[in-house]
């Protein structure tokens, strides 16, 4: 049969009164927690191809990736969510560009005739 005993505290810990809390370091609470997402998680958030994301990163239109390890590339989740929100706001305000549709009359195969009849 095992008897449980109250853990014995070292003498240095016994001298601290229980009602006195430990000092709070200001730099610990000021630091933001960065949540990183990998490529597969990014694809669930942003439905763009890897090439499109890479090209947008190069133009400065998408949050930059960074390496956690030599083989692990991640994005800052807060930056990605802020980017999505900015795109949503621009779309709601009508400030986002919409690409023109293709000119179907200039196709080489199965061109669309401009005049019906």
Protein backbone atom coordinates (compact mmCIF):
# COMPACT_ATOMS: atom_id res chain seq x y z
CA UNK A 1 0.00 0.00 0.00
CA UNK A 2 1.33 3.42 -0.97
CA UNK A 3 0.95 6.33 1.42
CA UNK A 4 0.84 9.77 -0.07
CA UNK A 5 2.80 12.44 1.66
CA UNK A 6 2.61 16.17 1.34
CA UNK A 7 5.56 17.34 -0.78
CA UNK A 8 8.32 18.88 1.24
CA UNK A 9 9.22 22.38 0.14
CA UNK A 10 12.78 23.63 0.33
CA UNK A 11 13.51 26.11 3.11
CA UNK A 12 13.86 28.98 0.60
CA UNK A 13 10.24 28.47 -0.56
CA UNK A 14 8.85 28.19 2.93
CA UNK A 15 9.95 31.73 3.79
CA UNK A 16 7.69 33.33 1.12
CA UNK A 17 4.28 34.22 2.53
CA UNK A 18 1.40 32.67 0.59
CA UNK A 19 -0.56 35.92 0.25
CA UNK A 20 2.35 37.67 -1.48
CA UNK A 21 2.37 37.08 -5.22
CA UNK A 22 5.45 36.80 -7.33
CA UNK A 23 6.54 39.87 -9.29
CA UNK A 24 5.12 40.24 -12.78
CA UNK A 25 7.62 41.00 -15.49
CA UNK A 26 6.22 43.62 -17.89
CA UNK A 27 8.01 42.33 -20.98
CA UNK A 28 6.34 38.92 -20.73
CA UNK A 29 2.79 40.29 -20.96
CA UNK A 30 3.69 42.80 -23.68
CA UNK A 31 4.96 40.09 -26.00
CA UNK A 32 2.48 38.92 -28.62
CA UNK A 33 2.06 35.24 -29.29
CA UNK A 34 2.68 34.48 -32.96
CA UNK A 35 0.63 31.66 -34.40
CA UNK A 36 2.17 30.26 -37.54
CA UNK A 37 0.37 28.25 -40.21
CA UNK A 38 1.89 25.82 -42.65
CA UNK A 39 1.14 25.66 -46.36
CA UNK A 40 -1.71 23.13 -46.02
CA UNK A 41 -3.43 25.30 -43.39
CA UNK A 42 -2.86 28.40 -45.52
CA UNK A 43 -4.62 26.72 -48.46
CA UNK A 44 -7.70 26.21 -46.25
CA UNK A 45 -7.75 29.92 -45.39
CA UNK A 46 -6.74 31.37 -48.76
CA UNK A 47 -7.89 29.37 -51.81
CA UNK A 48 -5.05 30.49 -54.09
CA UNK A 49 -2.45 28.38 -55.83
CA UNK A 50 1.12 28.19 -54.54
CA UNK A 51 2.33 30.06 -57.63
CA UNK A 52 -0.15 32.89 -57.14
CA UNK A 53 0.79 33.24 -53.47
CA UNK A 54 4.50 33.24 -54.34
CA UNK A 55 4.06 35.90 -57.04
CA UNK A 56 1.95 38.06 -54.72
CA UNK A 57 4.63 37.75 -52.01
CA UNK A 58 7.28 38.90 -54.48
CA UNK A 59 5.16 41.96 -55.40
CA UNK A 60 4.51 42.73 -51.72
CA UNK A 61 0.77 42.04 -52.00
CA UNK A 62 0.66 39.07 -49.62
CA UNK A 63 2.26 38.43 -46.19
CA UNK A 64 5.78 37.06 -46.44
CA UNK A 65 6.58 33.51 -45.39
CA UNK A 66 9.41 32.72 -43.03
CA UNK A 67 11.40 29.61 -42.17
CA UNK A 68 11.03 27.94 -38.80
CA UNK A 69 13.59 25.34 -39.80
CA UNK A 70 15.45 24.79 -43.07
CA UNK A 71 12.60 22.57 -44.28
CA UNK A 72 9.56 24.20 -42.63
CA UNK A 73 8.03 27.33 -44.17
CA UNK A 74 5.19 29.11 -42.34
CA UNK A 75 3.10 32.30 -42.45
CA UNK A 76 2.02 34.47 -39.53
CA UNK A 77 -1.69 33.74 -39.03
CA UNK A 78 -2.48 37.27 -37.81
CA UNK A 79 -0.92 38.79 -40.95
CA UNK A 80 -2.85 36.41 -43.22
CA UNK A 81 -6.15 37.12 -41.43
CA UNK A 82 -5.48 40.88 -41.65
CA UNK A 83 -4.80 40.49 -45.39
CA UNK A 84 -8.07 38.58 -45.91
CA UNK A 85 -9.98 41.23 -43.93
CA UNK A 86 -8.40 44.02 -46.00
CA UNK A 87 -9.41 42.24 -49.21
CA UNK A 88 -12.94 41.79 -47.87
CA UNK A 89 -13.16 45.49 -46.98
CA UNK A 90 -11.81 46.54 -50.39
CA UNK A 91 -14.30 44.28 -52.13
CA UNK A 92 -17.21 45.65 -50.10
CA UNK A 93 -16.17 49.23 -50.88
CA UNK A 94 -15.84 48.45 -54.58
CA UNK A 95 -12.15 49.37 -54.58
CA UNK A 96 -10.86 45.99 -55.75
CA UNK A 97 -10.09 45.40 -59.40
CA UNK A 98 -11.98 42.73 -61.25
CA UNK A 99 -10.14 41.16 -64.14
CA UNK A 100 -11.79 41.55 -67.52
CA UNK A 101 -13.22 38.45 -69.12
CA UNK A 102 -11.36 36.86 -72.01
CA UNK A 103 -12.05 38.00 -75.56
CA UNK A 104 -13.74 34.87 -76.84
CA UNK A 105 -13.81 36.17 -80.42
CA UNK A 106 -10.01 35.98 -80.68
CA UNK A 107 -9.83 32.25 -79.87
CA UNK A 108 -8.14 30.06 -82.48
CA UNK A 109 -10.38 27.08 -81.86
CA UNK A 110 -14.13 27.45 -81.68
CA UNK A 111 -14.28 31.24 -81.95
CA UNK A 112 -17.56 32.88 -81.04
CA UNK A 113 -19.21 34.74 -83.89
CA UNK A 114 -20.18 38.28 -83.10
CA UNK A 115 -23.25 38.31 -85.35
CA UNK A 116 -25.95 35.73 -84.99
CA UNK A 117 -28.07 35.02 -87.95
